[in-house]
Amino acid sequence: MNADGNLADALFVAIHQKIALIRVCGRGSFQTGASLKQFGMSVLNEDCDLVIFDMADCTTMDSTFMGVIAGMALRLKRQSGGTIVAMNLNSKTLSLLTTLGLSRMIETYEAGSTPDSLVAHLSKITDLGPLGNANVDNELNLETMLRAHEDLVEASPENLPKFQDVIEFLNRDLKKVRASAGDSPP
């Protein structure tokens, strides 16, 4: 819990056989985006074909976090034809996923409507561990945010008008960071 008495923003993860579970607590945000993206790469390396997001304790998500989910879904589908499921969604988090078109590319279930087959998978995963926030520098954070927004547009081209300015801004910032890193001595 944080100082306000709310759940601290955190991710808890596990991989069991070819199933990955990610429990989102608090806000899914750009602050956990790089860590989630790194875990997503390990999910692909482990050849997982099912990724389940348990959103029971998730209060909201920002576009970067949802973009990382979109990127995971796109890569998982290409690599193995696998599926991402978001379960235990509240009306707000379901609406966020629907608004950005993610509900067309991942399976979504509101709290109380999760199929028994998914509940059975979850009962086998008991060893959740905290996914620490990656120590990311500004460049990696900008790269993650940029790729997340590009993935939102790839997932649903209707998102381009929503994120075109964000993508341009992140591209400019990333170029500045890279240019200044190139100017500094090694």
N, C-alpha and C. Protein backbone atom coordinates (compact mmCIF):
# COMPACT_ATOMS: atom_id res chain seq x y z
N MET A 1 0.84 -1.19 0.00
CA MET A 1 0.00 0.00 0.00
C MET A 1 0.88 1.25 0.00
N ASN A 2 0.36 2.29 -0.64
CA ASN A 2 1.11 3.54 -0.63
C ASN A 2 0.58 4.44 0.49
N ALA A 3 1.10 5.64 0.58
CA ALA A 3 0.75 6.56 1.67
C ALA A 3 -0.73 6.91 1.69
N ASP A 4 -1.40 6.83 0.52
CA ASP A 4 -2.82 7.15 0.46
C ASP A 4 -3.72 5.99 0.86
N GLY A 5 -3.12 4.84 1.19
CA GLY A 5 -3.90 3.67 1.55
C GLY A 5 -4.37 2.87 0.34
N ASN A 6 -3.91 3.24 -0.86
CA ASN A 6 -4.25 2.50 -2.08
C ASN A 6 -3.17 1.47 -2.36
N LEU A 7 -3.53 0.49 -3.19
CA LEU A 7 -2.53 -0.48 -3.61
C LEU A 7 -1.42 0.23 -4.35
N ALA A 8 -0.19 -0.12 -4.03
CA ALA A 8 0.95 0.43 -4.75
C ALA A 8 0.94 -0.12 -6.17
N ASP A 9 1.41 0.68 -7.11
CA ASP A 9 1.49 0.23 -8.49
C ASP A 9 2.55 -0.84 -8.58
N ALA A 10 2.14 -2.04 -8.97
CA ALA A 10 3.07 -3.16 -9.02
C ALA A 10 2.56 -4.23 -9.96
N LEU A 11 3.50 -5.03 -10.45
CA LEU A 11 3.17 -6.18 -11.27
C LEU A 11 3.74 -7.42 -10.59
N PHE A 12 2.97 -8.49 -10.58
CA PHE A 12 3.40 -9.77 -10.05
C PHE A 12 3.27 -10.78 -11.17
N VAL A 13 4.29 -11.60 -11.37
CA VAL A 13 4.33 -12.45 -12.56
C VAL A 13 4.76 -13.87 -12.23
N ALA A 14 4.40 -14.77 -13.12
CA ALA A 14 4.87 -16.16 -13.06
C ALA A 14 4.69 -16.77 -14.44
N ILE A 15 5.54 -17.74 -14.72
CA ILE A 15 5.39 -18.56 -15.91
C ILE A 15 5.32 -20.01 -15.44
N HIS A 16 4.28 -20.69 -15.86
CA HIS A 16 4.08 -22.10 -15.50
C HIS A 16 3.79 -22.85 -16.79
N GLN A 17 4.67 -23.76 -17.12
CA GLN A 17 4.60 -24.47 -18.40
C GLN A 17 4.56 -23.42 -19.51
N LYS A 18 3.55 -23.36 -20.33
CA LYS A 18 3.52 -22.37 -21.42
C LYS A 18 2.48 -21.28 -21.16
N ILE A 19 2.22 -21.03 -19.88
CA ILE A 19 1.25 -20.01 -19.49
C ILE A 19 1.95 -18.96 -18.63
N ALA A 20 1.76 -17.70 -18.98
CA ALA A 20 2.30 -16.59 -18.19
C ALA A 20 1.15 -15.88 -17.52
N LEU A 21 1.35 -15.51 -16.28
CA LEU A 21 0.34 -14.75 -15.53
C LEU A 21 0.97 -13.44 -15.08
N ILE A 22 0.22 -12.37 -15.28
CA ILE A 22 0.65 -11.04 -14.85
C ILE A 22 -0.50 -10.45 -14.04
N ARG A 23 -0.27 -10.22 -12.77
CA ARG A 23 -1.27 -9.59 -11.91
C ARG A 23 -0.90 -8.12 -11.78
N VAL A 24 -1.83 -7.26 -12.18
CA VAL A 24 -1.60 -5.81 -12.17
C VAL A 24 -2.27 -5.23 -10.92
N CYS A 25 -1.49 -4.57 -10.09
CA CYS A 25 -2.01 -3.93 -8.89
C CYS A 25 -1.83 -2.42 -9.01
N GLY A 26 -2.89 -1.70 -8.68
CA GLY A 26 -2.83 -0.24 -8.80
C GLY A 26 -2.97 0.16 -10.25
N ARG A 27 -2.14 1.09 -10.66
CA ARG A 27 -2.19 1.60 -12.04
C ARG A 27 -1.19 0.86 -12.92
N GLY A 28 -1.64 0.52 -14.12
CA GLY A 28 -0.73 0.05 -15.15
C GLY A 28 -0.27 1.29 -15.89
N SER A 29 1.01 1.64 -15.77
CA SER A 29 1.45 2.92 -16.32
C SER A 29 2.81 2.81 -16.99
N PHE A 30 3.23 3.94 -17.55
CA PHE A 30 4.54 4.01 -18.20
C PHE A 30 5.65 3.66 -17.22
N GLN A 31 5.40 3.82 -15.93
CA GLN A 31 6.42 3.52 -14.93
C GLN A 31 6.72 2.03 -14.84
N THR A 32 5.76 1.19 -15.19
CA THR A 32 5.98 -0.25 -15.19
C THR A 32 6.08 -0.80 -16.61
N GLY A 33 5.95 0.08 -17.60
CA GLY A 33 5.94 -0.35 -19.00
C GLY A 33 7.21 -1.05 -19.44
N ALA A 34 8.38 -0.51 -19.09
CA ALA A 34 9.64 -1.13 -19.51
C ALA A 34 9.80 -2.51 -18.88
N SER A 35 9.43 -2.64 -17.61
CA SER A 35 9.51 -3.95 -16.94
C SER A 35 8.56 -4.94 -17.60
N LEU A 36 7.35 -4.49 -17.91
CA LEU A 36 6.38 -5.37 -18.56
C LEU A 36 6.89 -5.79 -19.93
N LYS A 37 7.48 -4.86 -20.67
CA LYS A 37 8.01 -5.19 -21.99
C LYS A 37 9.12 -6.23 -21.88
N GLN A 38 10.02 -6.07 -20.90
CA GLN A 38 11.09 -7.04 -20.71
C GLN A 38 10.53 -8.42 -20.33
N PHE A 39 9.52 -8.44 -19.46
CA PHE A 39 8.89 -9.71 -19.11
C PHE A 39 8.23 -10.32 -20.34
N GLY A 40 7.62 -9.49 -21.17
CA GLY A 40 6.99 -9.96 -22.39
C GLY A 40 7.99 -10.65 -23.30
N MET A 41 9.22 -10.14 -23.35
CA MET A 41 10.26 -10.79 -24.15
C MET A 41 10.60 -12.16 -23.57
N SER A 42 10.63 -12.28 -22.25
CA SER A 42 10.91 -13.59 -21.66
C SER A 42 9.76 -14.56 -21.90
N VAL A 43 8.54 -14.03 -21.96
CA VAL A 43 7.37 -14.87 -22.28
C VAL A 43 7.54 -15.46 -23.68
N LEU A 44 7.98 -14.63 -24.62
CA LEU A 44 8.21 -15.12 -25.99
C LEU A 44 9.36 -16.12 -26.02
N ASN A 45 10.42 -15.85 -25.27
CA ASN A 45 11.56 -16.77 -25.23
C ASN A 45 11.20 -18.12 -24.61
N GLU A 46 10.23 -18.12 -23.71
CA GLU A 46 9.78 -19.36 -23.07
C GLU A 46 8.73 -20.08 -23.91
N ASP A 47 8.42 -19.51 -25.08
CA ASP A 47 7.41 -20.10 -25.99
C ASP A 47 6.04 -20.24 -25.35
N CYS A 48 5.68 -19.28 -24.52
CA CYS A 48 4.34 -19.29 -23.93
C CYS A 48 3.32 -19.06 -25.04
N ASP A 49 2.18 -19.71 -24.92
CA ASP A 49 1.13 -19.49 -25.91
C ASP A 49 -0.13 -18.90 -25.28
N LEU A 50 -0.08 -18.68 -23.98
CA LEU A 50 -1.19 -18.03 -23.29
C LEU A 50 -0.63 -17.08 -22.24
N VAL A 51 -1.05 -15.82 -22.32
CA VAL A 51 -0.64 -14.81 -21.35
C VAL A 51 -1.92 -14.26 -20.73
N ILE A 52 -2.00 -14.37 -19.41
CA ILE A 52 -3.21 -13.94 -18.70
C ILE A 52 -2.87 -12.74 -17.83
N PHE A 53 -3.58 -11.65 -18.05
CA PHE A 53 -3.49 -10.48 -17.19
C PHE A 53 -4.65 -10.54 -16.20
N ASP A 54 -4.33 -10.64 -14.91
CA ASP A 54 -5.36 -10.59 -13.86
C ASP A 54 -5.47 -9.13 -13.44
N MET A 55 -6.60 -8.52 -13.78
CA MET A 55 -6.79 -7.08 -13.57
C MET A 55 -7.68 -6.76 -12.36
N ALA A 56 -7.89 -7.74 -11.49
CA ALA A 56 -8.80 -7.54 -10.36
C ALA A 56 -8.39 -6.34 -9.49
N ASP A 57 -7.10 -6.12 -9.34
CA ASP A 57 -6.62 -5.03 -8.49
C ASP A 57 -6.10 -3.84 -9.28
N CYS A 58 -6.40 -3.80 -10.58
CA CYS A 58 -5.95 -2.70 -11.44
C CYS A 58 -6.99 -1.59 -11.42
N THR A 59 -6.55 -0.39 -11.11
CA THR A 59 -7.48 0.74 -11.03
C THR A 59 -7.61 1.49 -12.36
N THR A 60 -6.53 1.56 -13.13
CA THR A 60 -6.55 2.24 -14.42
C THR A 60 -5.28 1.88 -15.19
N MET A 61 -5.25 2.26 -16.45
CA MET A 61 -4.07 2.03 -17.29
C MET A 61 -3.85 3.26 -18.16
N ASP A 62 -2.59 3.56 -18.44
CA ASP A 62 -2.32 4.65 -19.38
C ASP A 62 -2.02 4.06 -20.75
N SER A 63 -1.86 4.93 -21.73
CA SER A 63 -1.69 4.47 -23.11
C SER A 63 -0.37 3.71 -23.29
N THR A 64 0.67 4.08 -22.57
CA THR A 64 1.93 3.34 -22.71
C THR A 64 1.75 1.91 -22.25
N PHE A 65 1.14 1.71 -21.11
CA PHE A 65 0.93 0.36 -20.58
C PHE A 65 0.07 -0.46 -21.55
N MET A 66 -1.00 0.14 -22.05
CA MET A 66 -1.85 -0.60 -22.99
C MET A 66 -1.11 -0.85 -24.30
N GLY A 67 -0.23 0.06 -24.70
CA GLY A 67 0.57 -0.14 -25.89
C GLY A 67 1.55 -1.29 -25.74
N VAL A 68 2.12 -1.44 -24.55
CA VAL A 68 3.00 -2.58 -24.29
C VAL A 68 2.21 -3.88 -24.40
N ILE A 69 0.98 -3.89 -23.87
CA ILE A 69 0.12 -5.07 -24.01
C ILE A 69 -0.16 -5.34 -25.49
N ALA A 70 -0.45 -4.30 -26.25
CA ALA A 70 -0.71 -4.46 -27.69
C ALA A 70 0.51 -5.05 -28.38
N GLY A 71 1.69 -4.55 -28.06
CA GLY A 71 2.92 -5.07 -28.65
C GLY A 71 3.14 -6.53 -28.31
N MET A 72 2.87 -6.88 -27.04
CA MET A 72 3.00 -8.28 -26.65
C MET A 72 2.03 -9.14 -27.46
N ALA A 73 0.81 -8.66 -27.61
CA ALA A 73 -0.21 -9.43 -28.35
C ALA A 73 0.19 -9.60 -29.81
N LEU A 74 0.68 -8.54 -30.42
CA LEU A 74 1.11 -8.62 -31.82
C LEU A 74 2.25 -9.62 -32.00
N ARG A 75 3.26 -9.54 -31.13
CA ARG A 75 4.41 -10.44 -31.25
C ARG A 75 4.06 -11.88 -30.89
N LEU A 76 3.22 -12.07 -29.88
CA LEU A 76 2.80 -13.42 -29.50
C LEU A 76 2.01 -14.08 -30.62
N LYS A 77 1.13 -13.32 -31.24
CA LYS A 77 0.32 -13.85 -32.35
C LYS A 77 1.23 -14.25 -33.52
N ARG A 78 2.20 -13.38 -33.84
CA ARG A 78 3.12 -13.68 -34.96
C ARG A 78 4.00 -14.90 -34.67
N GLN A 79 4.49 -14.97 -33.43
CA GLN A 79 5.45 -16.02 -33.10
C GLN A 79 4.80 -17.38 -32.95
N SER A 80 3.70 -17.45 -32.21
CA SER A 80 3.14 -18.76 -31.89
C SER A 80 1.65 -18.88 -32.12
N GLY A 81 1.02 -17.79 -32.55
CA GLY A 81 -0.44 -17.82 -32.66
C GLY A 81 -1.09 -17.77 -31.29
N GLY A 82 -0.32 -17.39 -30.28
CA GLY A 82 -0.81 -17.39 -28.91
C GLY A 82 -1.82 -16.30 -28.62
N THR A 83 -2.33 -16.35 -27.41
CA THR A 83 -3.43 -15.49 -27.00
C THR A 83 -3.09 -14.73 -25.73
N ILE A 84 -3.58 -13.50 -25.66
CA ILE A 84 -3.53 -12.73 -24.42
C ILE A 84 -4.95 -12.56 -23.92
N VAL A 85 -5.11 -12.76 -22.63
CA VAL A 85 -6.40 -12.64 -21.97
C VAL A 85 -6.28 -11.61 -20.87
N ALA A 86 -7.24 -10.71 -20.78
CA ALA A 86 -7.34 -9.78 -19.65
C ALA A 86 -8.62 -10.14 -18.92
N MET A 87 -8.49 -10.55 -17.67
CA MET A 87 -9.65 -10.99 -16.91
C MET A 87 -9.82 -10.15 -15.65
N ASN A 88 -11.00 -10.26 -15.07
CA ASN A 88 -11.35 -9.51 -13.86
C ASN A 88 -11.29 -8.00 -14.09
N LEU A 89 -11.67 -7.59 -15.29
CA LEU A 89 -11.70 -6.17 -15.61
C LEU A 89 -12.88 -5.49 -14.95
N ASN A 90 -12.69 -4.26 -14.51
CA ASN A 90 -13.84 -3.47 -14.06
C ASN A 90 -14.34 -2.69 -15.27
N SER A 91 -15.42 -1.99 -15.13
CA SER A 91 -16.00 -1.30 -16.29
C SER A 91 -15.05 -0.25 -16.86
N LYS A 92 -14.26 0.40 -16.01
CA LYS A 92 -13.32 1.43 -16.48
C LYS A 92 -12.19 0.81 -17.29
N THR A 93 -11.56 -0.25 -16.77
CA THR A 93 -10.43 -0.85 -17.49
C THR A 93 -10.90 -1.53 -18.77
N LEU A 94 -12.08 -2.12 -18.76
CA LEU A 94 -12.63 -2.70 -19.99
C LEU A 94 -12.88 -1.61 -21.03
N SER A 95 -13.42 -0.49 -20.59
CA SER A 95 -13.68 0.62 -21.50
C SER A 95 -12.38 1.16 -22.11
N LEU A 96 -11.32 1.25 -21.32
CA LEU A 96 -10.03 1.72 -21.83
C LEU A 96 -9.52 0.79 -22.93
N LEU A 97 -9.58 -0.50 -22.70
CA LEU A 97 -9.11 -1.47 -23.71
C LEU A 97 -9.98 -1.43 -24.96
N THR A 98 -11.26 -1.26 -24.77
CA THR A 98 -12.19 -1.21 -25.90
C THR A 98 -11.97 0.06 -26.72
N THR A 99 -11.81 1.19 -26.05
CA THR A 99 -11.62 2.47 -26.72
C THR A 99 -10.41 2.46 -27.65
N LEU A 100 -9.34 1.78 -27.24
CA LEU A 100 -8.12 1.75 -28.06
C LEU A 100 -8.06 0.54 -28.99
N GLY A 101 -9.12 -0.25 -29.04
CA GLY A 101 -9.20 -1.36 -29.98
C GLY A 101 -8.53 -2.64 -29.51
N LEU A 102 -8.03 -2.65 -28.30
CA LEU A 102 -7.35 -3.86 -27.82
C LEU A 102 -8.32 -5.02 -27.58
N SER A 103 -9.57 -4.71 -27.31
CA SER A 103 -10.54 -5.78 -27.06
C SER A 103 -10.82 -6.59 -28.32
N ARG A 104 -10.36 -6.09 -29.48
CA ARG A 104 -10.49 -6.87 -30.72
C ARG A 104 -9.32 -7.82 -30.91
N MET A 105 -8.23 -7.62 -30.18
CA MET A 105 -7.04 -8.46 -30.38
C MET A 105 -6.70 -9.32 -29.17
N ILE A 106 -7.30 -9.04 -28.03
CA ILE A 106 -7.11 -9.88 -26.85
C ILE A 106 -8.48 -10.26 -26.32
N GLU A 107 -8.53 -11.35 -25.60
CA GLU A 107 -9.79 -11.75 -24.96
C GLU A 107 -9.96 -10.94 -23.69
N THR A 108 -11.16 -10.43 -23.48
CA THR A 108 -11.43 -9.63 -22.28
C THR A 108 -12.62 -10.20 -21.53
N TYR A 109 -12.49 -10.21 -20.21
CA TYR A 109 -13.55 -10.72 -19.35
C TYR A 109 -13.70 -9.80 -18.14
N GLU A 110 -14.92 -9.34 -17.93
CA GLU A 110 -15.19 -8.55 -16.73
C GLU A 110 -15.15 -9.46 -15.51
N ALA A 111 -14.96 -8.84 -14.36
CA ALA A 111 -14.93 -9.60 -13.11
C ALA A 111 -16.20 -10.44 -13.00
N GLY A 112 -16.02 -11.69 -12.66
CA GLY A 112 -17.15 -12.59 -12.49
C GLY A 112 -17.56 -13.33 -13.76
N SER A 113 -16.95 -13.00 -14.90
CA SER A 113 -17.35 -13.67 -16.14
C SER A 113 -16.21 -14.49 -16.76
N THR A 114 -15.18 -14.77 -15.98
CA THR A 114 -14.04 -15.53 -16.49
C THR A 114 -14.45 -16.99 -16.69
N PRO A 115 -14.19 -17.55 -17.85
CA PRO A 115 -14.54 -18.95 -18.10
C PRO A 115 -13.82 -19.90 -17.13
N ASP A 116 -14.48 -20.99 -16.80
CA ASP A 116 -13.92 -21.96 -15.87
C ASP A 116 -12.57 -22.50 -16.34
N SER A 117 -12.38 -22.62 -17.66
CA SER A 117 -11.11 -23.14 -18.17
C SER A 117 -9.94 -22.22 -17.79
N LEU A 118 -10.16 -20.92 -17.80
CA LEU A 118 -9.11 -19.98 -17.40
C LEU A 118 -8.88 -20.03 -15.89
N VAL A 119 -9.96 -20.14 -15.15
CA VAL A 119 -9.84 -20.24 -13.70
C VAL A 119 -9.01 -21.48 -13.35
N ALA A 120 -9.22 -22.56 -14.08
CA ALA A 120 -8.45 -23.79 -13.83
C ALA A 120 -6.97 -23.57 -14.10
N HIS A 121 -6.64 -22.85 -15.18
CA HIS A 121 -5.23 -22.53 -15.46
C HIS A 121 -4.63 -21.73 -14.31
N LEU A 122 -5.37 -20.78 -13.84
CA LEU A 122 -4.85 -19.90 -12.78
C LEU A 122 -4.58 -20.65 -11.49
N SER A 123 -5.39 -21.64 -11.20
CA SER A 123 -5.21 -22.37 -9.95
C SER A 123 -3.88 -23.12 -9.92
N LYS A 124 -3.28 -23.35 -11.08
CA LYS A 124 -1.99 -24.05 -11.17
C LYS A 124 -0.81 -23.10 -10.96
N ILE A 125 -1.06 -21.80 -11.03
CA ILE A 125 0.02 -20.82 -10.92
C ILE A 125 -0.04 -20.18 -9.54
N THR A 126 0.85 -20.64 -8.68
CA THR A 126 0.81 -20.16 -7.30
C THR A 126 2.07 -19.41 -6.89
N ASP A 127 3.06 -19.38 -7.74
CA ASP A 127 4.35 -18.81 -7.36
C ASP A 127 4.60 -17.44 -7.96
N LEU A 128 3.64 -16.53 -7.83
CA LEU A 128 3.81 -15.18 -8.35
C LEU A 128 4.91 -14.45 -7.59
N GLY A 129 5.74 -13.75 -8.34
CA GLY A 129 6.77 -12.93 -7.74
C GLY A 129 6.67 -11.52 -8.25
N PRO A 130 7.14 -10.55 -7.48
CA PRO A 130 7.07 -9.16 -7.94
C PRO A 130 7.98 -8.94 -9.13
N LEU A 131 7.49 -8.18 -10.08
CA LEU A 131 8.30 -7.79 -11.22
C LEU A 131 8.83 -6.41 -10.89
N GLY A 132 10.10 -6.35 -10.56
CA GLY A 132 10.69 -5.08 -10.17
C GLY A 132 10.68 -4.10 -11.33
N ASN A 133 10.59 -2.84 -11.01
CA ASN A 133 10.69 -1.81 -12.04
C ASN A 133 12.11 -1.80 -12.56
N ALA A 134 12.22 -1.97 -13.84
CA ALA A 134 13.54 -1.98 -14.46
C ALA A 134 14.20 -0.64 -14.23
N ASN A 135 15.49 -0.69 -13.95
CA ASN A 135 16.25 0.56 -13.87
C ASN A 135 16.47 1.01 -15.29
N VAL A 136 15.61 1.89 -15.74
CA VAL A 136 15.69 2.32 -17.13
C VAL A 136 16.19 3.75 -17.18
N ASP A 137 17.05 3.97 -18.13
CA ASP A 137 17.48 5.33 -18.35
C ASP A 137 16.45 6.03 -19.22
N ASN A 138 16.63 7.30 -19.39
CA ASN A 138 15.67 8.11 -20.14
C ASN A 138 15.49 7.59 -21.56
N GLU A 139 16.59 7.16 -22.19
CA GLU A 139 16.51 6.68 -23.56
C GLU A 139 15.65 5.42 -23.66
N LEU A 140 15.87 4.46 -22.78
CA LEU A 140 15.08 3.23 -22.81
C LEU A 140 13.61 3.51 -22.49
N ASN A 141 13.38 4.41 -21.57
CA ASN A 141 12.00 4.78 -21.24
C ASN A 141 11.31 5.40 -22.45
N LEU A 142 11.99 6.31 -23.13
CA LEU A 142 11.43 6.93 -24.34
C LEU A 142 11.19 5.90 -25.44
N GLU A 143 12.15 4.97 -25.62
CA GLU A 143 11.99 3.91 -26.62
C GLU A 143 10.76 3.06 -26.32
N THR A 144 10.58 2.71 -25.05
CA THR A 144 9.43 1.90 -24.64
C THR A 144 8.14 2.64 -24.91
N MET A 145 8.10 3.91 -24.54
CA MET A 145 6.89 4.70 -24.74
C MET A 145 6.58 4.87 -26.23
N LEU A 146 7.61 5.14 -27.02
CA LEU A 146 7.42 5.31 -28.46
C LEU A 146 6.91 4.02 -29.09
N ARG A 147 7.56 2.91 -28.81
CA ARG A 147 7.15 1.63 -29.39
C ARG A 147 5.73 1.26 -28.96
N ALA A 148 5.39 1.55 -27.71
CA ALA A 148 4.05 1.25 -27.21
C ALA A 148 2.99 2.00 -28.01
N HIS A 149 3.24 3.26 -28.29
CA HIS A 149 2.26 4.05 -29.04
C HIS A 149 2.21 3.64 -30.51
N GLU A 150 3.37 3.27 -31.06
CA GLU A 150 3.37 2.75 -32.43
C GLU A 150 2.60 1.43 -32.50
N ASP A 151 2.73 0.60 -31.46
CA ASP A 151 1.99 -0.67 -31.43
C ASP A 151 0.49 -0.44 -31.30
N LEU A 152 0.09 0.60 -30.58
CA LEU A 152 -1.34 0.92 -30.50
C LEU A 152 -1.89 1.28 -31.87
N VAL A 153 -1.10 2.00 -32.66
CA VAL A 153 -1.53 2.38 -34.01
C VAL A 153 -1.54 1.15 -34.92
N GLU A 154 -0.53 0.28 -34.79
CA GLU A 154 -0.51 -0.95 -35.59
C GLU A 154 -1.70 -1.84 -35.24
N ALA A 155 -2.02 -1.91 -33.96
CA ALA A 155 -3.14 -2.74 -33.51
C ALA A 155 -4.48 -2.21 -34.00
N SER A 156 -4.59 -0.90 -34.07
CA SER A 156 -5.84 -0.27 -34.49
C SER A 156 -5.51 1.07 -35.15
N PRO A 157 -5.49 1.10 -36.49
CA PRO A 157 -5.13 2.33 -37.20
C PRO A 157 -5.98 3.55 -36.81
N GLU A 158 -7.17 3.32 -36.27
CA GLU A 158 -8.00 4.44 -35.81
C GLU A 158 -7.33 5.21 -34.68
N ASN A 159 -6.29 4.62 -34.08
CA ASN A 159 -5.58 5.29 -32.99
C ASN A 159 -4.59 6.35 -33.48
N LEU A 160 -4.28 6.36 -34.76
CA LEU A 160 -3.28 7.31 -35.27
C LEU A 160 -3.61 8.76 -34.92
N PRO A 161 -4.83 9.23 -35.17
CA PRO A 161 -5.11 10.64 -34.81
C PRO A 161 -4.96 10.91 -33.31
N LYS A 162 -5.22 9.91 -32.48
CA LYS A 162 -5.10 10.09 -31.03
C LYS A 162 -3.64 10.22 -30.60
N PHE A 163 -2.75 9.50 -31.29
CA PHE A 163 -1.37 9.41 -30.81
C PHE A 163 -0.32 9.96 -31.76
N GLN A 164 -0.73 10.53 -32.87
CA GLN A 164 0.24 11.05 -33.83
C GLN A 164 1.15 12.09 -33.20
N ASP A 165 0.57 13.04 -32.47
CA ASP A 165 1.39 14.08 -31.83
C ASP A 165 2.30 13.48 -30.76
N VAL A 166 1.80 12.50 -30.02
CA VAL A 166 2.60 11.85 -28.98
C VAL A 166 3.80 11.15 -29.63
N ILE A 167 3.54 10.42 -30.72
CA ILE A 167 4.61 9.70 -31.42
C ILE A 167 5.65 10.69 -31.94
N GLU A 168 5.22 11.79 -32.53
CA GLU A 168 6.16 12.79 -33.04
C GLU A 168 6.98 13.40 -31.90
N PHE A 169 6.32 13.71 -30.80
CA PHE A 169 7.01 14.28 -29.64
C PHE A 169 8.05 13.30 -29.09
N LEU A 170 7.66 12.03 -28.93
CA LEU A 170 8.59 11.03 -28.41
C LEU A 170 9.76 10.80 -29.36
N ASN A 171 9.49 10.80 -30.65
CA ASN A 171 10.57 10.68 -31.65
C ASN A 171 11.57 11.82 -31.51
N ARG A 172 11.07 13.05 -31.39
CA ARG A 172 11.95 14.21 -31.23
C ARG A 172 12.77 14.10 -29.96
N ASP A 173 12.10 13.76 -28.86
CA ASP A 173 12.81 13.64 -27.59
C ASP A 173 13.88 12.55 -27.65
N LEU A 174 13.54 11.44 -28.26
CA LEU A 174 14.49 10.33 -28.37
C LEU A 174 15.70 10.74 -29.20
N LYS A 175 15.48 11.45 -30.28
CA LYS A 175 16.59 11.93 -31.11
C LYS A 175 17.48 12.88 -30.32
N LYS A 176 16.88 13.76 -29.52
CA LYS A 176 17.67 14.69 -28.69
C LYS A 176 18.52 13.93 -27.68
N VAL A 177 17.91 12.94 -27.02
CA VAL A 177 18.63 12.16 -26.01
C VAL A 177 19.80 11.41 -26.67
N ARG A 178 19.54 10.82 -27.82
CA ARG A 178 20.60 10.08 -28.51
C ARG A 178 21.70 11.02 -28.99
N ALA A 179 21.33 12.20 -29.46
CA ALA A 179 22.31 13.17 -29.93
C ALA A 179 23.19 13.65 -28.76
N SER A 180 22.58 13.92 -27.64
CA SER A 180 23.36 14.39 -26.49
C SER A 180 24.23 13.28 -25.93
N ALA A 181 23.79 12.02 -26.03
CA ALA A 181 24.61 10.90 -25.58
C ALA A 181 25.82 10.74 -26.49
N GLY A 182 25.62 11.02 -27.77
CA GLY A 182 26.71 10.91 -28.73
C GLY A 182 27.73 12.01 -28.56
N ASP A 183 27.30 13.16 -28.01
CA ASP A 183 28.21 14.30 -27.81
C ASP A 183 29.06 14.15 -26.58
N SER A 184 28.56 13.35 -25.63
CA SER A 184 29.30 13.24 -24.37
C SER A 184 30.44 12.23 -24.51
N PRO A 185 31.54 12.45 -23.79
CA PRO A 185 32.66 11.51 -23.87
C PRO A 185 32.26 10.15 -23.30
N PRO A 186 32.87 9.07 -23.80
CA PRO A 186 32.54 7.72 -23.31
C PRO A 186 32.94 7.50 -21.90
